[in-house]
Amino acid sequence: MKSLKLMKLGFVIALCIAIVLVVVLKQNIKPNSHVRLTIEIIEIGITLDQVKGKLGDPVYYQKDSNGYEMLTYLQDVSNLGPHEELGGINVVVKDGVVYKVMPILTD
């Protein structure tokens, strides 16, 4: 009789732990719905004819006198507005000019 009560108690405790784990994991996995990523486009003064390569190639621009900074990949987004929702793009080409894209978190 005592072992049956212990088994029931153990089952209830295990069930509570499982429920807590499921709730915690769901909150961690669920994306934050009120935050979205927007972008700000900053012209970096490189025209498309100065960029050697094709779409999908890595793009470099001169950061300072010490060297070059790589901006992911060259992408042709000619109809991109100044604050379009877009994720993971650091460089766009608009009207023949390469632009740097800065992420902005907004509510």
N, C-alpha and C. Protein backbone atom coordinates (compact mmCIF):
# COMPACT_ATOMS: atom_id res chain seq x y z
N MET A 1 0.82 -1.20 0.00
CA MET A 1 0.00 0.00 0.00
C MET A 1 0.86 1.26 0.00
N LYS A 2 1.91 1.23 0.83
CA LYS A 2 2.79 2.39 0.89
C LYS A 2 3.54 2.58 -0.43
N SER A 3 3.96 1.47 -1.04
CA SER A 3 4.69 1.58 -2.31
C SER A 3 3.78 2.09 -3.43
N LEU A 4 2.49 1.76 -3.37
CA LEU A 4 1.55 2.26 -4.36
C LEU A 4 1.40 3.78 -4.25
N LYS A 5 1.35 4.29 -3.02
CA LYS A 5 1.27 5.74 -2.82
C LYS A 5 2.54 6.42 -3.32
N LEU A 6 3.70 5.79 -3.06
CA LEU A 6 4.96 6.36 -3.53
C LEU A 6 5.02 6.37 -5.06
N MET A 7 4.51 5.31 -5.68
CA MET A 7 4.49 5.26 -7.14
C MET A 7 3.59 6.36 -7.71
N LYS A 8 2.41 6.56 -7.09
CA LYS A 8 1.51 7.61 -7.56
C LYS A 8 2.15 8.99 -7.38
N LEU A 9 2.79 9.18 -6.23
CA LEU A 9 3.45 10.45 -5.97
C LEU A 9 4.57 10.69 -6.98
N GLY A 10 5.36 9.66 -7.25
CA GLY A 10 6.44 9.77 -8.23
C GLY A 10 5.91 10.09 -9.62
N PHE A 11 4.79 9.45 -9.98
CA PHE A 11 4.18 9.71 -11.28
C PHE A 11 3.70 11.16 -11.38
N VAL A 12 3.06 11.66 -10.32
CA VAL A 12 2.57 13.04 -10.32
C VAL A 12 3.74 14.02 -10.43
N ILE A 13 4.81 13.77 -9.69
CA ILE A 13 5.99 14.64 -9.74
C ILE A 13 6.60 14.62 -11.14
N ALA A 14 6.74 13.43 -11.72
CA ALA A 14 7.30 13.31 -13.07
C ALA A 14 6.43 14.03 -14.10
N LEU A 15 5.12 13.93 -13.94
CA LEU A 15 4.20 14.60 -14.84
C LEU A 15 4.33 16.12 -14.73
N CYS A 16 4.45 16.62 -13.51
CA CYS A 16 4.62 18.06 -13.31
C CYS A 16 5.92 18.56 -13.93
N ILE A 17 6.99 17.80 -13.75
CA ILE A 17 8.28 18.17 -14.34
C ILE A 17 8.18 18.19 -15.86
N ALA A 18 7.51 17.20 -16.43
CA ALA A 18 7.36 17.13 -17.89
C ALA A 18 6.57 18.33 -18.41
N ILE A 19 5.51 18.70 -17.70
CA ILE A 19 4.70 19.85 -18.13
C ILE A 19 5.51 21.13 -18.08
N VAL A 20 6.27 21.31 -17.00
CA VAL A 20 7.11 22.50 -16.87
C VAL A 20 8.14 22.55 -17.99
N LEU A 21 8.77 21.41 -18.30
CA LEU A 21 9.76 21.37 -19.37
C LEU A 21 9.15 21.73 -20.72
N VAL A 22 7.96 21.20 -20.99
CA VAL A 22 7.30 21.49 -22.27
C VAL A 22 6.99 22.98 -22.38
N VAL A 23 6.48 23.58 -21.30
CA VAL A 23 6.15 25.00 -21.32
C VAL A 23 7.40 25.84 -21.53
N VAL A 24 8.48 25.52 -20.82
CA VAL A 24 9.72 26.28 -20.94
C VAL A 24 10.31 26.15 -22.34
N LEU A 25 10.33 24.93 -22.88
CA LEU A 25 10.89 24.73 -24.21
C LEU A 25 10.05 25.43 -25.28
N LYS A 26 8.74 25.41 -25.15
CA LYS A 26 7.89 26.10 -26.13
C LYS A 26 8.16 27.60 -26.13
N GLN A 27 8.36 28.18 -24.96
CA GLN A 27 8.63 29.61 -24.90
C GLN A 27 9.98 29.94 -25.52
N ASN A 28 10.96 29.06 -25.35
CA ASN A 28 12.28 29.32 -25.92
C ASN A 28 12.29 29.14 -27.43
N ILE A 29 11.49 28.23 -27.94
CA ILE A 29 11.48 27.95 -29.37
C ILE A 29 10.62 28.96 -30.12
N LYS A 30 9.54 29.40 -29.51
CA LYS A 30 8.61 30.31 -30.17
C LYS A 30 9.28 31.65 -30.47
N PRO A 31 9.21 32.13 -31.70
CA PRO A 31 9.83 33.42 -32.00
C PRO A 31 9.09 34.55 -31.30
N ASN A 32 9.80 35.58 -31.01
CA ASN A 32 9.22 36.74 -30.36
C ASN A 32 8.36 37.46 -31.39
N SER A 33 7.05 37.37 -31.23
CA SER A 33 6.15 37.81 -32.29
C SER A 33 6.07 39.33 -32.43
N HIS A 34 6.41 40.09 -31.40
CA HIS A 34 6.26 41.54 -31.51
C HIS A 34 7.53 42.25 -31.97
N VAL A 35 8.59 41.49 -32.23
CA VAL A 35 9.82 42.11 -32.74
C VAL A 35 10.02 41.65 -34.17
N ARG A 36 10.22 42.57 -35.08
CA ARG A 36 10.51 42.18 -36.46
C ARG A 36 11.75 42.91 -36.92
N LEU A 37 12.39 42.33 -37.91
CA LEU A 37 13.65 42.88 -38.40
C LEU A 37 13.37 43.74 -39.63
N THR A 38 13.78 44.99 -39.55
CA THR A 38 13.71 45.85 -40.73
C THR A 38 15.13 46.29 -41.05
N ILE A 39 15.28 46.98 -42.14
CA ILE A 39 16.64 47.36 -42.55
C ILE A 39 16.70 48.83 -42.89
N GLU A 40 17.89 49.35 -42.77
CA GLU A 40 18.17 50.72 -43.21
C GLU A 40 19.29 50.61 -44.24
N ILE A 41 19.11 51.24 -45.38
CA ILE A 41 20.09 51.12 -46.45
C ILE A 41 21.00 52.34 -46.43
N ILE A 42 22.29 52.09 -46.41
CA ILE A 42 23.28 53.17 -46.39
C ILE A 42 24.15 53.03 -47.63
N GLU A 43 24.21 54.05 -48.43
CA GLU A 43 25.05 54.01 -49.63
C GLU A 43 26.51 54.03 -49.22
N ILE A 44 27.30 53.13 -49.80
CA ILE A 44 28.73 53.10 -49.47
C ILE A 44 29.59 53.56 -50.63
N GLY A 45 28.96 54.14 -51.64
CA GLY A 45 29.72 54.82 -52.68
C GLY A 45 30.43 53.95 -53.68
N ILE A 46 29.99 52.74 -53.86
CA ILE A 46 30.59 51.87 -54.87
C ILE A 46 29.54 51.63 -55.94
N THR A 47 29.85 51.93 -57.16
CA THR A 47 28.90 51.65 -58.23
C THR A 47 29.07 50.21 -58.69
N LEU A 48 28.02 49.71 -59.32
CA LEU A 48 28.01 48.30 -59.70
C LEU A 48 29.14 47.96 -60.66
N ASP A 49 29.52 48.88 -61.54
CA ASP A 49 30.59 48.58 -62.49
C ASP A 49 31.95 48.51 -61.80
N GLN A 50 32.06 49.00 -60.56
CA GLN A 50 33.31 48.86 -59.81
C GLN A 50 33.40 47.51 -59.10
N VAL A 51 32.29 46.82 -59.03
CA VAL A 51 32.26 45.52 -58.34
C VAL A 51 32.50 44.44 -59.37
N LYS A 52 33.56 43.68 -59.18
CA LYS A 52 33.85 42.59 -60.10
C LYS A 52 33.13 41.34 -59.62
N GLY A 53 32.50 40.65 -60.55
CA GLY A 53 31.83 39.40 -60.18
C GLY A 53 30.39 39.40 -60.62
N LYS A 54 29.67 38.41 -60.12
CA LYS A 54 28.27 38.24 -60.49
C LYS A 54 27.43 38.12 -59.23
N LEU A 55 26.12 38.11 -59.40
CA LEU A 55 25.23 37.99 -58.26
C LEU A 55 25.55 36.71 -57.49
N GLY A 56 25.57 36.81 -56.18
CA GLY A 56 25.90 35.67 -55.34
C GLY A 56 27.35 35.65 -54.90
N ASP A 57 28.21 36.46 -55.55
CA ASP A 57 29.61 36.53 -55.14
C ASP A 57 29.75 37.37 -53.87
N PRO A 58 30.79 37.09 -53.07
CA PRO A 58 31.06 37.97 -51.93
C PRO A 58 31.42 39.37 -52.41
N VAL A 59 31.00 40.38 -51.66
CA VAL A 59 31.28 41.77 -52.01
C VAL A 59 32.18 42.36 -50.94
N TYR A 60 33.20 43.10 -51.37
CA TYR A 60 34.11 43.75 -50.44
C TYR A 60 34.02 45.26 -50.66
N TYR A 61 34.15 46.01 -49.61
CA TYR A 61 34.34 47.45 -49.78
C TYR A 61 35.43 47.87 -48.81
N GLN A 62 36.11 48.94 -49.14
CA GLN A 62 37.25 49.35 -48.33
C GLN A 62 36.75 49.97 -47.04
N LYS A 63 37.17 49.39 -45.93
CA LYS A 63 36.74 49.86 -44.62
C LYS A 63 37.58 51.05 -44.18
N ASP A 64 38.88 50.91 -44.27
CA ASP A 64 39.80 51.99 -43.91
C ASP A 64 41.13 51.69 -44.59
N SER A 65 42.17 52.42 -44.24
CA SER A 65 43.46 52.22 -44.89
C SER A 65 44.10 50.89 -44.51
N ASN A 66 43.56 50.20 -43.52
CA ASN A 66 44.15 48.93 -43.09
C ASN A 66 43.68 47.73 -43.89
N GLY A 67 42.61 47.84 -44.64
CA GLY A 67 42.17 46.67 -45.39
C GLY A 67 40.73 46.76 -45.83
N TYR A 68 40.16 45.59 -46.08
CA TYR A 68 38.81 45.50 -46.62
C TYR A 68 37.91 44.75 -45.65
N GLU A 69 36.64 45.12 -45.66
CA GLU A 69 35.64 44.40 -44.88
C GLU A 69 34.70 43.71 -45.85
N MET A 70 34.43 42.43 -45.62
CA MET A 70 33.54 41.71 -46.52
C MET A 70 32.09 41.90 -46.09
N LEU A 71 31.24 42.19 -47.05
CA LEU A 71 29.80 42.24 -46.84
C LEU A 71 29.20 41.08 -47.61
N THR A 72 28.52 40.21 -46.94
CA THR A 72 28.13 38.90 -47.46
C THR A 72 28.09 38.74 -48.98
N TYR A 73 26.92 38.82 -49.59
CA TYR A 73 26.80 38.47 -51.00
C TYR A 73 26.12 39.58 -51.80
N LEU A 74 26.53 39.70 -53.03
CA LEU A 74 25.95 40.69 -53.94
C LEU A 74 24.56 40.21 -54.37
N GLN A 75 23.58 41.05 -54.14
CA GLN A 75 22.22 40.69 -54.51
C GLN A 75 21.58 41.85 -55.25
N ASP A 76 20.85 41.53 -56.29
CA ASP A 76 20.16 42.56 -57.06
C ASP A 76 18.74 42.70 -56.52
N VAL A 77 18.50 43.75 -55.77
CA VAL A 77 17.17 44.01 -55.22
C VAL A 77 16.79 45.42 -55.66
N SER A 78 16.51 45.57 -56.95
CA SER A 78 16.35 46.91 -57.51
C SER A 78 15.10 47.61 -57.02
N ASN A 79 14.09 46.86 -56.57
CA ASN A 79 12.86 47.52 -56.12
C ASN A 79 12.79 47.63 -54.60
N LEU A 80 13.90 47.52 -53.92
CA LEU A 80 13.91 47.53 -52.46
C LEU A 80 13.65 48.93 -51.93
N GLY A 81 12.72 49.05 -51.02
CA GLY A 81 12.44 50.33 -50.36
C GLY A 81 13.39 50.55 -49.20
N PRO A 82 13.36 51.75 -48.61
CA PRO A 82 14.32 52.07 -47.56
C PRO A 82 14.13 51.28 -46.27
N HIS A 83 12.94 50.76 -46.03
CA HIS A 83 12.73 50.01 -44.80
C HIS A 83 11.93 48.74 -45.08
N GLU A 84 12.31 48.01 -46.11
CA GLU A 84 11.64 46.75 -46.41
C GLU A 84 12.02 45.71 -45.36
N GLU A 85 11.08 44.78 -45.07
CA GLU A 85 11.42 43.68 -44.19
C GLU A 85 12.26 42.69 -44.97
N LEU A 86 13.40 42.37 -44.44
CA LEU A 86 14.34 41.49 -45.12
C LEU A 86 15.30 40.96 -44.08
N GLY A 87 15.63 39.70 -44.15
CA GLY A 87 16.54 39.15 -43.15
C GLY A 87 17.81 38.63 -43.77
N GLY A 88 18.93 38.89 -43.15
CA GLY A 88 20.19 38.27 -43.51
C GLY A 88 20.90 38.84 -44.71
N ILE A 89 20.47 39.96 -45.24
CA ILE A 89 21.16 40.53 -46.41
C ILE A 89 21.93 41.75 -45.95
N ASN A 90 23.21 41.76 -46.20
CA ASN A 90 24.05 42.89 -45.80
C ASN A 90 24.37 43.83 -46.94
N VAL A 91 24.20 43.37 -48.18
CA VAL A 91 24.50 44.20 -49.34
C VAL A 91 23.38 44.05 -50.35
N VAL A 92 22.93 45.17 -50.88
CA VAL A 92 22.00 45.13 -52.00
C VAL A 92 22.53 46.03 -53.09
N VAL A 93 22.03 45.82 -54.30
CA VAL A 93 22.36 46.69 -55.42
C VAL A 93 21.07 47.37 -55.84
N LYS A 94 21.08 48.69 -55.83
CA LYS A 94 19.89 49.43 -56.23
C LYS A 94 20.32 50.54 -57.17
N ASP A 95 19.74 50.54 -58.36
CA ASP A 95 20.07 51.55 -59.37
C ASP A 95 21.56 51.60 -59.66
N GLY A 96 22.21 50.44 -59.70
CA GLY A 96 23.62 50.37 -60.04
C GLY A 96 24.56 50.74 -58.93
N VAL A 97 24.06 50.98 -57.71
CA VAL A 97 24.93 51.34 -56.59
C VAL A 97 24.82 50.27 -55.52
N VAL A 98 25.96 49.93 -54.93
CA VAL A 98 25.97 48.95 -53.84
C VAL A 98 25.65 49.67 -52.54
N TYR A 99 24.72 49.11 -51.79
CA TYR A 99 24.31 49.70 -50.52
C TYR A 99 24.61 48.73 -49.38
N LYS A 100 24.97 49.28 -48.24
CA LYS A 100 25.12 48.48 -47.03
C LYS A 100 23.78 48.46 -46.32
N VAL A 101 23.41 47.31 -45.77
CA VAL A 101 22.13 47.15 -45.11
C VAL A 101 22.37 46.98 -43.62
N MET A 102 21.75 47.83 -42.82
CA MET A 102 21.89 47.76 -41.36
C MET A 102 20.60 47.24 -40.76
N PRO A 103 20.65 46.18 -39.94
CA PRO A 103 19.42 45.67 -39.31
C PRO A 103 18.95 46.61 -38.20
N ILE A 104 17.64 46.76 -38.10
CA ILE A 104 17.03 47.57 -37.05
C ILE A 104 15.91 46.73 -36.43
N LEU A 105 15.92 46.57 -35.12
CA LEU A 105 14.83 45.86 -34.46
C LEU A 105 13.74 46.85 -34.12
N THR A 106 12.51 46.53 -34.54
CA THR A 106 11.38 47.40 -34.25
C THR A 106 10.28 46.60 -33.59
N ASP A 107 9.42 47.30 -32.87
CA ASP A 107 8.27 46.62 -32.23
C ASP A 107 7.10 46.56 -33.17
